[in-house]
Protein backbone atom coordinates (compact mmCIF):
# COMPACT_ATOMS: atom_id res chain seq x y z
CA UNK A 1 -50.95 -50.37 95.09
CA UNK A 2 -48.83 -52.97 93.01
CA UNK A 3 -47.61 -51.35 90.07
CA UNK A 4 -47.67 -53.35 86.90
CA UNK A 5 -44.63 -53.12 85.01
CA UNK A 6 -44.61 -55.04 81.07
CA UNK A 7 -41.21 -55.79 80.44
CA UNK A 8 -39.99 -55.98 76.67
CA UNK A 9 -36.87 -56.83 75.32
CA UNK A 10 -36.77 -54.82 72.43
CA UNK A 11 -36.34 -54.33 69.69
CA UNK A 12 -36.68 -54.75 65.94
CA UNK A 13 -38.53 -51.60 64.68
CA UNK A 14 -40.58 -52.82 61.65
CA UNK A 15 -42.11 -55.64 64.03
CA UNK A 16 -42.75 -53.32 66.90
CA UNK A 17 -44.79 -50.52 65.61
CA UNK A 18 -47.89 -52.33 66.59
CA UNK A 19 -46.95 -53.50 70.01
CA UNK A 20 -46.13 -50.20 70.44
CA UNK A 21 -49.07 -49.03 69.85
CA UNK A 22 -51.17 -51.21 72.15
CA UNK A 23 -48.95 -50.29 75.26
CA UNK A 24 -49.60 -47.04 74.76
CA UNK A 25 -53.13 -47.38 74.71
CA UNK A 26 -52.83 -49.82 77.76
CA UNK A 27 -50.63 -47.81 79.77
CA UNK A 28 -52.92 -44.53 79.28
CA UNK A 29 -56.10 -46.70 79.88
CA UNK A 30 -54.65 -47.44 83.57
CA UNK A 31 -54.18 -51.48 83.02
CA UNK A 32 -49.76 -51.52 82.62
CA UNK A 33 -47.85 -49.14 84.72
CA UNK A 34 -44.86 -49.07 83.73
CA UNK A 35 -43.14 -50.37 80.62
CA UNK A 36 -39.12 -50.78 80.59
CA UNK A 37 -37.83 -51.54 77.48
CA UNK A 38 -34.22 -53.64 77.15
CA UNK A 39 -32.32 -52.23 74.42
CA UNK A 40 -31.23 -56.11 72.79
CA UNK A 41 -30.99 -54.67 69.35
CA UNK A 42 -28.68 -55.99 66.73
CA UNK A 43 -28.61 -53.23 64.41
CA UNK A 44 -28.12 -49.23 64.62
CA UNK A 45 -30.43 -48.48 62.59
CA UNK A 46 -33.22 -50.66 65.22
CA UNK A 47 -30.69 -49.15 68.46
CA UNK A 48 -31.37 -46.07 67.19
CA UNK A 49 -34.59 -46.10 67.05
CA UNK A 50 -35.22 -47.77 70.19
CA UNK A 51 -33.75 -44.63 71.54
CA UNK A 52 -36.34 -41.90 70.04
CA UNK A 53 -38.92 -43.99 70.58
CA UNK A 54 -39.05 -45.09 74.52
CA UNK A 55 -37.78 -42.46 76.70
CA UNK A 56 -35.18 -41.60 78.91
CA UNK A 57 -32.66 -44.07 80.25
CA UNK A 58 -32.60 -45.99 83.44
CA UNK A 59 -29.76 -48.60 83.29
CA UNK A 60 -27.02 -49.33 81.10
CA UNK A 61 -24.36 -52.53 80.97
CA UNK A 62 -20.80 -51.76 81.72
CA UNK A 63 -19.46 -52.49 78.09
CA UNK A 64 -21.92 -50.34 76.85
CA UNK A 65 -20.86 -47.32 74.88
CA UNK A 66 -21.35 -43.42 75.78
CA UNK A 67 -25.85 -42.80 75.79
CA UNK A 68 -26.99 -38.97 76.47
CA UNK A 69 -27.92 -37.82 78.88
CA UNK A 70 -28.91 -34.07 78.73
CA UNK A 71 -27.27 -30.56 78.65
CA UNK A 72 -25.26 -28.49 80.81
CA UNK A 73 -25.57 -24.75 80.52
CA UNK A 74 -24.85 -21.38 82.34
CA UNK A 75 -28.38 -21.33 82.80
CA UNK A 76 -29.54 -24.49 83.87
CA UNK A 77 -27.05 -27.36 85.10
CA UNK A 78 -27.37 -31.10 85.14
CA UNK A 79 -28.20 -32.84 87.80
CA UNK A 80 -27.89 -36.78 88.62
CA UNK A 81 -28.82 -40.06 91.03
CA UNK A 82 -25.98 -42.41 89.59
CA UNK A 83 -25.72 -45.62 91.02
CA UNK A 84 -22.72 -47.23 90.02
CA UNK A 85 -19.46 -48.34 92.64
CA UNK A 86 -16.83 -47.05 89.88
CA UNK A 87 -15.51 -45.62 86.73
CA UNK A 88 -18.47 -43.04 86.09
CA UNK A 89 -17.91 -41.66 82.59
CA UNK A 90 -19.07 -38.18 81.34
CA UNK A 91 -18.48 -37.08 78.33
CA UNK A 92 -18.54 -33.12 77.45
CA UNK A 93 -19.38 -31.94 73.68
CA UNK A 94 -19.14 -28.62 73.89
CA UNK A 95 -21.43 -27.19 71.40
CA UNK A 96 -18.87 -24.02 69.95
CA UNK A 97 -16.45 -27.45 69.07
CA UNK A 98 -17.92 -29.93 67.28
CA UNK A 99 -14.56 -32.20 67.07
CA UNK A 100 -13.63 -32.47 70.04
CA UNK A 101 -15.23 -33.92 73.58
CA UNK A 102 -13.53 -33.42 76.85
CA UNK A 103 -14.54 -37.17 78.96
CA UNK A 104 -14.48 -36.52 83.06
CA UNK A 105 -13.42 -39.67 84.63
CA UNK A 106 -14.85 -39.78 88.18
CA UNK A 107 -13.63 -42.59 90.79
CA UNK A 108 -11.34 -44.51 88.46
CA UNK A 109 -8.81 -46.75 88.91
CA UNK A 110 -11.03 -48.78 91.74
CA UNK A 111 -12.50 -45.75 93.16
CA UNK A 112 -9.72 -43.87 93.80
CA UNK A 113 -9.05 -41.35 91.69
CA UNK A 114 -10.74 -38.08 88.82
CA UNK A 115 -9.81 -36.66 85.94
CA UNK A 116 -9.85 -34.90 82.68
CA UNK A 117 -8.95 -35.75 78.88
CA UNK A 118 -9.50 -33.99 75.95
CA UNK A 119 -9.56 -36.07 73.21
CA UNK A 120 -11.50 -36.16 69.34
CA UNK A 121 -14.78 -36.36 69.01
CA UNK A 122 -14.23 -38.86 66.31
CA UNK A 123 -12.59 -42.06 68.88
CA UNK A 124 -15.39 -40.86 72.38
CA UNK A 125 -16.79 -44.67 71.68
CA UNK A 126 -13.31 -46.22 71.10
CA UNK A 127 -13.14 -48.89 73.62
CA UNK A 128 -9.71 -47.37 75.78
CA UNK A 129 -9.70 -43.81 75.59
CA UNK A 130 -6.56 -44.15 78.31
CA UNK A 131 -3.96 -42.38 75.50
CA UNK A 132 -6.15 -38.69 75.36
CA UNK A 133 -4.49 -35.55 76.88
CA UNK A 134 -4.71 -36.06 80.07
CA UNK A 135 -5.69 -32.82 81.05
CA UNK A 136 -6.35 -32.97 85.24
CA UNK A 137 -5.95 -35.44 88.07
CA UNK A 138 -6.66 -35.76 91.19
CA UNK A 139 -6.80 -38.29 94.41
CA UNK A 140 -10.20 -38.74 94.85
CA UNK A 141 -10.21 -41.58 97.98
CA UNK A 142 -14.18 -43.67 97.76
CA UNK A 143 -15.44 -40.52 95.96
CA UNK A 144 -18.78 -43.01 94.43
CA UNK A 145 -20.43 -44.99 97.39
CA UNK A 146 -21.85 -48.10 97.03
CA UNK A 147 -24.34 -47.28 99.60
CA UNK A 148 -25.65 -44.63 97.69
CA UNK A 149 -27.13 -43.06 95.14
CA UNK A 150 -24.33 -40.64 94.12
CA UNK A 151 -25.77 -37.28 93.63
CA UNK A 152 -24.03 -35.87 90.64
CA UNK A 153 -24.09 -31.75 89.90
CA UNK A 154 -22.68 -30.75 86.35
CA UNK A 155 -22.55 -26.78 86.84
CA UNK A 156 -20.51 -24.37 84.00
CA UNK A 157 -20.06 -20.60 85.50
CA UNK A 158 -21.16 -17.29 83.35
CA UNK A 159 -17.71 -17.58 81.82
CA UNK A 160 -18.30 -21.20 80.66
CA UNK A 161 -16.13 -22.85 83.21
CA UNK A 162 -17.36 -26.22 83.80
CA UNK A 163 -17.55 -27.41 87.79
CA UNK A 164 -18.10 -30.52 89.02
CA UNK A 165 -20.01 -32.01 92.30
CA UNK A 166 -20.39 -35.64 93.79
CA UNK A 167 -22.34 -36.34 96.69
CA UNK A 168 -21.53 -31.77 97.86
CA UNK A 169 -18.07 -32.37 97.38
CA UNK A 170 -16.82 -30.38 94.69
CA UNK A 171 -14.65 -32.65 92.54
CA UNK A 172 -13.01 -29.94 90.34
CA UNK A 173 -13.35 -26.59 88.25
CA UNK A 174 -11.61 -26.40 84.96
CA UNK A 175 -11.01 -23.14 83.23
CA UNK A 176 -9.25 -24.77 81.14
CA UNK A 177 -12.35 -26.63 79.99
CA UNK A 178 -14.50 -24.03 78.69
CA UNK A 179 -17.81 -24.40 77.53
CA UNK A 180 -19.58 -20.58 76.83
CA UNK A 181 -22.27 -21.94 74.66
CA UNK A 182 -22.74 -24.63 76.87
CA UNK A 183 -22.29 -28.76 76.51
CA UNK A 184 -24.15 -31.65 75.49
CA UNK A 185 -23.34 -34.47 77.55
CA UNK A 186 -22.86 -38.08 77.51
CA UNK A 187 -22.67 -40.31 80.49
CA UNK A 188 -21.47 -44.23 80.51
CA UNK A 189 -20.22 -46.96 83.08
CA UNK A 190 -16.94 -48.90 82.63
CA UNK A 191 -14.50 -50.92 83.91
CA UNK A 192 -17.08 -53.78 85.54
CA UNK A 193 -19.63 -51.25 86.60
CA UNK A 194 -23.34 -51.11 85.21
CA UNK A 195 -24.72 -47.18 85.31
CA UNK A 196 -28.14 -46.77 86.69
CA UNK A 197 -29.78 -43.59 86.72
CA UNK A 198 -31.77 -43.35 89.89
CA UNK A 199 -33.95 -39.87 88.67
CA UNK A 200 -34.92 -41.49 85.95
CA UNK A 201 -38.68 -42.85 86.79
CA UNK A 202 -40.39 -42.28 83.77
CA UNK A 203 -43.38 -44.86 83.16
CA UNK A 204 -41.40 -45.47 79.85
CA UNK A 205 -37.97 -45.68 80.41
CA UNK A 206 -34.86 -47.75 78.19
CA UNK A 207 -31.86 -50.11 80.19
CA UNK A 208 -29.23 -51.39 77.94
CA UNK A 209 -27.43 -54.66 78.03
CA UNK A 210 -24.15 -55.57 77.44
CA UNK A 211 -23.56 -55.65 72.93
CA UNK A 212 -22.20 -58.67 71.30
CA UNK A 213 -23.45 -61.27 74.31
CA UNK A 214 -25.08 -64.41 72.14
CA UNK A 215 -27.84 -65.31 74.56
CA UNK A 216 -27.92 -61.82 76.74
CA UNK A 217 -31.76 -61.99 78.53
CA UNK A 218 -29.52 -63.09 82.08
CA UNK A 219 -28.70 -59.07 82.14
CA UNK A 220 -32.38 -58.34 82.55
CA UNK A 221 -33.44 -60.91 85.19
CA UNK A 222 -30.70 -60.75 88.03
CA UNK A 223 -30.64 -56.64 87.51
CA UNK A 224 -35.01 -56.89 88.44
CA UNK A 225 -33.81 -60.05 91.16
CA UNK A 226 -30.69 -57.99 92.84
CA UNK A 227 -33.64 -55.11 93.99
CA UNK A 228 -36.15 -57.82 94.85
CA UNK A 229 -37.12 -55.75 97.72
CA UNK A 230 -37.77 -52.69 95.03
CA UNK A 231 -40.01 -54.69 93.26
CA UNK A 232 -41.35 -57.48 95.26
CA UNK A 233 -44.94 -56.35 95.31
CA UNK A 234 -44.86 -56.09 91.75
CA UNK A 235 -46.68 -57.21 88.91
CA UNK A 236 -44.80 -58.23 85.76
CA UNK A 237 -45.74 -59.52 82.24
CA UNK A 238 -43.00 -59.94 79.47
CA UNK A 239 -43.58 -60.32 76.33
CA UNK A 240 -41.35 -60.70 73.07
CA UNK A 241 -41.08 -57.23 70.74
CA UNK A 242 -43.42 -59.17 67.67
CA UNK A 243 -46.43 -59.45 69.99
CA UNK A 244 -49.05 -57.87 66.72
CA UNK A 245 -52.87 -58.47 68.39
CA UNK A 246 -53.36 -58.13 72.27
CA UNK A 247 -56.53 -58.28 73.70
CA UNK A 248 -57.20 -55.20 75.94
CA UNK A 249 -60.82 -56.11 76.77
CA UNK A 250 -59.62 -59.47 78.14
CA UNK A 251 -55.62 -57.84 80.00
CA UNK A 252 -57.61 -57.39 82.59
CA UNK A 253 -58.42 -60.80 83.89
CA UNK A 254 -55.57 -62.09 82.87
CA UNK A 255 -53.48 -59.49 85.24
CA UNK A 256 -56.27 -60.47 87.96
CA UNK A 257 -55.78 -64.26 87.36
CA UNK A 258 -52.56 -64.33 87.87
CA UNK A 259 -52.11 -62.58 91.43
CA UNK A 260 -55.12 -64.42 92.93
CA UNK A 261 -52.93 -68.01 91.94
CA UNK A 262 -49.50 -67.24 93.18
CA UNK A 263 -49.06 -71.03 92.77
CA UNK A 264 -47.69 -70.96 89.69
CA UNK A 265 -44.67 -69.43 88.77
CA UNK A 266 -44.94 -67.63 85.39
CA UNK A 267 -48.60 -67.85 83.80
CA UNK A 268 -48.79 -67.70 79.81
CA UNK A 269 -51.46 -65.90 77.53
CA UNK A 270 -52.99 -67.66 74.95
CA UNK A 271 -50.86 -67.17 72.27
CA UNK A 272 -51.66 -67.77 68.17
CA UNK A 273 -47.88 -68.98 66.58
CA UNK A 274 -47.61 -70.53 69.94
CA UNK A 275 -47.07 -74.56 69.47
CA UNK A 276 -48.15 -75.52 73.75
CA UNK A 277 -51.36 -73.64 72.91
CA UNK A 278 -51.58 -74.04 69.17
CA UNK A 279 -52.13 -77.96 69.99
CA UNK A 280 -54.55 -77.20 73.39
CA UNK A 281 -56.75 -75.14 70.90
CA UNK A 282 -56.95 -77.85 68.17
CA UNK A 283 -58.39 -80.02 70.52
CA UNK A 284 -60.62 -77.81 72.53
CA UNK A 285 -61.48 -77.87 68.24
CA UNK A 286 -60.59 -73.70 67.87
CA UNK A 287 -58.71 -74.83 64.97
CA UNK A 288 -60.10 -77.10 62.12
CA UNK A 289 -58.05 -79.92 60.64
CA UNK A 290 -58.04 -77.95 57.50
CA UNK A 291 -54.71 -76.02 59.05
CA UNK A 292 -53.18 -78.59 59.03
CA UNK A 293 -52.07 -80.63 62.67
CA UNK A 294 -50.89 -79.28 65.78
CA UNK A 295 -49.19 -82.01 67.14
CA UNK A 296 -48.47 -81.43 71.17
CA UNK A 297 -44.37 -80.82 70.65
CA UNK A 298 -42.28 -82.66 72.54
CA UNK A 299 -41.42 -81.59 75.99
CA UNK A 300 -43.46 -78.93 75.00
CA UNK A 301 -40.38 -77.83 72.65
CA UNK A 302 -39.96 -77.29 68.75
CA UNK A 303 -42.93 -79.43 67.15
CA UNK A 304 -43.82 -78.72 63.21
CA UNK A 305 -45.47 -75.23 63.82
CA UNK A 306 -41.93 -74.17 65.21
CA UNK A 307 -40.01 -75.20 61.92
CA UNK A 308 -42.82 -74.83 58.59
CA UNK A 309 -43.63 -70.91 57.63
CA UNK A 310 -46.53 -72.60 55.66
CA UNK A 311 -48.79 -73.86 58.74
CA UNK A 312 -48.18 -69.87 60.20
CA UNK A 313 -49.32 -68.47 58.00
CA UNK A 314 -52.00 -70.48 57.32
CA UNK A 315 -53.00 -69.90 61.18
CA UNK A 316 -52.41 -66.40 61.01
CA UNK A 317 -55.00 -65.90 58.51
CA UNK A 318 -57.49 -68.04 59.86
CA UNK A 319 -56.73 -65.90 63.12
CA UNK A 320 -57.38 -62.94 61.09
CA UNK A 321 -60.38 -63.57 59.06
CA UNK A 322 -62.43 -65.13 62.39
CA UNK A 323 -65.00 -62.81 63.48
CA UNK A 324 -63.91 -63.56 67.17
CA UNK A 325 -60.91 -62.72 68.11
CA UNK A 326 -60.19 -65.32 70.15
CA UNK A 327 -59.37 -70.06 69.88
CA UNK A 328 -60.67 -70.67 73.14
CA UNK A 329 -58.91 -73.61 74.78
CA UNK A 330 -60.13 -76.65 76.60
CA UNK A 331 -60.30 -75.23 79.89
CA UNK A 332 -60.17 -71.60 81.51
CA UNK A 333 -56.79 -72.22 82.72
CA UNK A 334 -54.55 -75.44 81.30
CA UNK A 335 -52.09 -76.71 83.80
CA UNK A 336 -48.53 -77.12 82.43
CA UNK A 337 -45.52 -79.21 83.63
CA UNK A 338 -43.48 -79.05 80.56
CA UNK A 339 -41.60 -76.50 78.39
CA UNK A 340 -43.64 -73.65 76.95
CA UNK A 341 -42.33 -70.27 74.87
CA UNK A 342 -42.64 -67.37 76.81
CA UNK A 343 -43.79 -65.17 74.01
CA UNK A 344 -46.12 -62.86 76.65
CA UNK A 345 -46.56 -64.34 80.69
CA UNK A 346 -46.86 -63.39 83.76
CA UNK A 347 -45.12 -63.74 87.15
CA UNK A 348 -45.45 -61.88 90.60
CA UNK A 349 -42.68 -59.99 91.89
CA UNK A 350 -41.76 -62.00 94.88
CA UNK A 351 -40.33 -64.77 92.68
CA UNK A 352 -37.90 -62.97 91.64
CA UNK A 353 -35.82 -64.48 94.77
CA UNK A 354 -35.43 -67.32 92.37
CA UNK A 355 -34.80 -65.20 88.99
CA UNK A 356 -31.16 -64.54 88.68
CA UNK A 357 -30.51 -66.44 85.90
CA UNK A 358 -27.85 -67.09 84.53
CA UNK A 359 -26.12 -66.35 81.23
CA UNK A 360 -28.20 -69.32 79.08
CA UNK A 361 -32.15 -70.72 77.68
CA UNK A 362 -33.87 -68.33 79.77
CA UNK A 363 -37.30 -69.91 79.09
CA UNK A 364 -35.75 -73.33 79.68
CA UNK A 365 -34.87 -71.97 83.29
CA UNK A 366 -38.32 -70.22 83.67
CA UNK A 367 -40.50 -72.98 82.19
CA UNK A 368 -39.50 -76.32 82.73
CA UNK A 369 -35.87 -76.02 84.80
CA UNK A 370 -37.67 -73.39 88.27
CA UNK A 371 -40.96 -75.29 87.94
CA UNK A 372 -39.60 -78.17 89.05
CA UNK A 373 -37.07 -76.89 91.65
CA UNK A 374 -39.45 -75.39 93.34
CA UNK A 375 -42.44 -77.61 92.71
CA UNK A 376 -45.08 -75.34 91.23
CA UNK A 377 -46.47 -75.83 87.71
CA UNK A 378 -46.65 -73.30 84.68
CA UNK A 379 -50.22 -72.32 82.89
CA UNK A 380 -51.93 -70.61 80.40
CA UNK A 381 -55.33 -68.86 80.58
CA UNK A 382 -57.51 -68.69 78.01
CA UNK A 383 -59.70 -65.98 78.22
CA UNK A 384 -56.35 -63.56 76.92
CA UNK A 385 -55.64 -63.87 73.77
CA UNK A 386 -52.14 -62.23 71.92
CA UNK A 387 -50.80 -63.05 68.34
CA UNK A 388 -47.22 -63.69 68.01
CA UNK A 389 -45.70 -62.67 64.60
CA UNK A 390 -43.30 -65.60 63.90
CA UNK A 391 -39.43 -67.89 65.73
CA UNK A 392 -36.58 -68.03 63.86
CA UNK A 393 -36.87 -71.53 62.41
CA UNK A 394 -40.02 -69.71 60.37
CA UNK A 395 -38.56 -66.55 58.53
CA UNK A 396 -37.61 -68.31 55.91
CA UNK A 397 -41.35 -68.67 54.51
CA UNK A 398 -44.00 -66.04 56.91
CA UNK A 399 -44.98 -63.51 54.85
CA UNK A 400 -44.02 -60.63 57.39
CA UNK A 401 -44.69 -57.60 55.39
CA UNK A 402 -48.39 -59.06 54.38
CA UNK A 403 -48.55 -59.88 58.17
CA UNK A 404 -47.34 -56.78 59.35
CA UNK A 405 -50.38 -54.98 57.56
CA UNK A 406 -52.91 -56.73 58.24
CA UNK A 407 -52.15 -56.95 61.80
CA UNK A 408 -51.67 -53.00 61.46
CA UNK A 409 -55.04 -52.58 60.58
CA UNK A 410 -56.50 -54.74 63.06
CA UNK A 411 -55.19 -52.29 65.60
CA UNK A 412 -56.08 -49.43 63.78
CA UNK A 413 -59.97 -50.94 64.15
CA UNK A 414 -59.45 -51.72 67.41
CA UNK A 415 -57.88 -48.75 68.92
CA UNK A 416 -59.80 -46.66 66.44
CA UNK A 417 -56.84 -44.71 65.16
């Protein structure tokens, strides 16, 4: 059966905890099959939280620093299936030697050579570790295969000597790299080569984009577009990390509508605190004029709600106080041919053939440029409501802590937790 995959660009812990609860419940109920968490965090604390909270690592960009992937001991080898073309870096952190690490470079120098280096652990994530002590080197042409998931087995014998095998070939056995108590293992790609750990198929899993990108989201779209054959039958949901209410009773209807209406390029949920949705919510009479005037944003972008925290606060308070958590639009499905915020959208996996997005404004590409190019509209589905906490221009005045507390209470009521 075609899987339903939710993609979330993460993640701010304080804002994402509520979404975490809704999605875990949706997965438990069988509404969502996989949750792909893309770590685009901007603080170390948020990165550490995402790492703790969201399961094993599946993918990391070529500029991502070392990430934990397991342990190797005499009782249990570490087994990996790594999709990478060159420069697979494996770090051994000996349990008996807390100040040092050994780095095994597999397929370095354009997939020509393997080396083992030793260095102080404080330099583990230095961008350049080439001046570390070289303890072993070997010519290994084409050791990593671009045509398969490379099978990597790191074992430790009873004397603490590690051995590395790649695709059935023993690369080396190193008595000088003794780990008698075993070692924690970290892994990364490098030098232009991203790393995918293909044995990781947990329902909730992490993907880490390259740090420091100002508009990083193209990395996720390109990842899926390059794997069209893997995802062509899937249905994708994508939501912001600060979605603070999800009507799980109506999610199945939203998914069903998306499946049965392939002529739409993307379909949006009916979003609280979204300029285009608010315009239609007020046009239908669902939002009273006492909350202010919610105009049609010019070209679907910006508008007063996007910039006005007072309007956002009032809108959230109105929704929280409403007996029924719904703000109907003028029709069950509203066709749309201008820009709209992509706070919670859906697309079909087959359309990934059009989604190898260039670096830039992914929202404009998905809701304006590609629909215009393909001659396909977008739409808003009225009967599935979510609430979006805030836009950047609202940040200075939106009462984030108060609203999160209120939405947390609503979530606990809805999910009976």
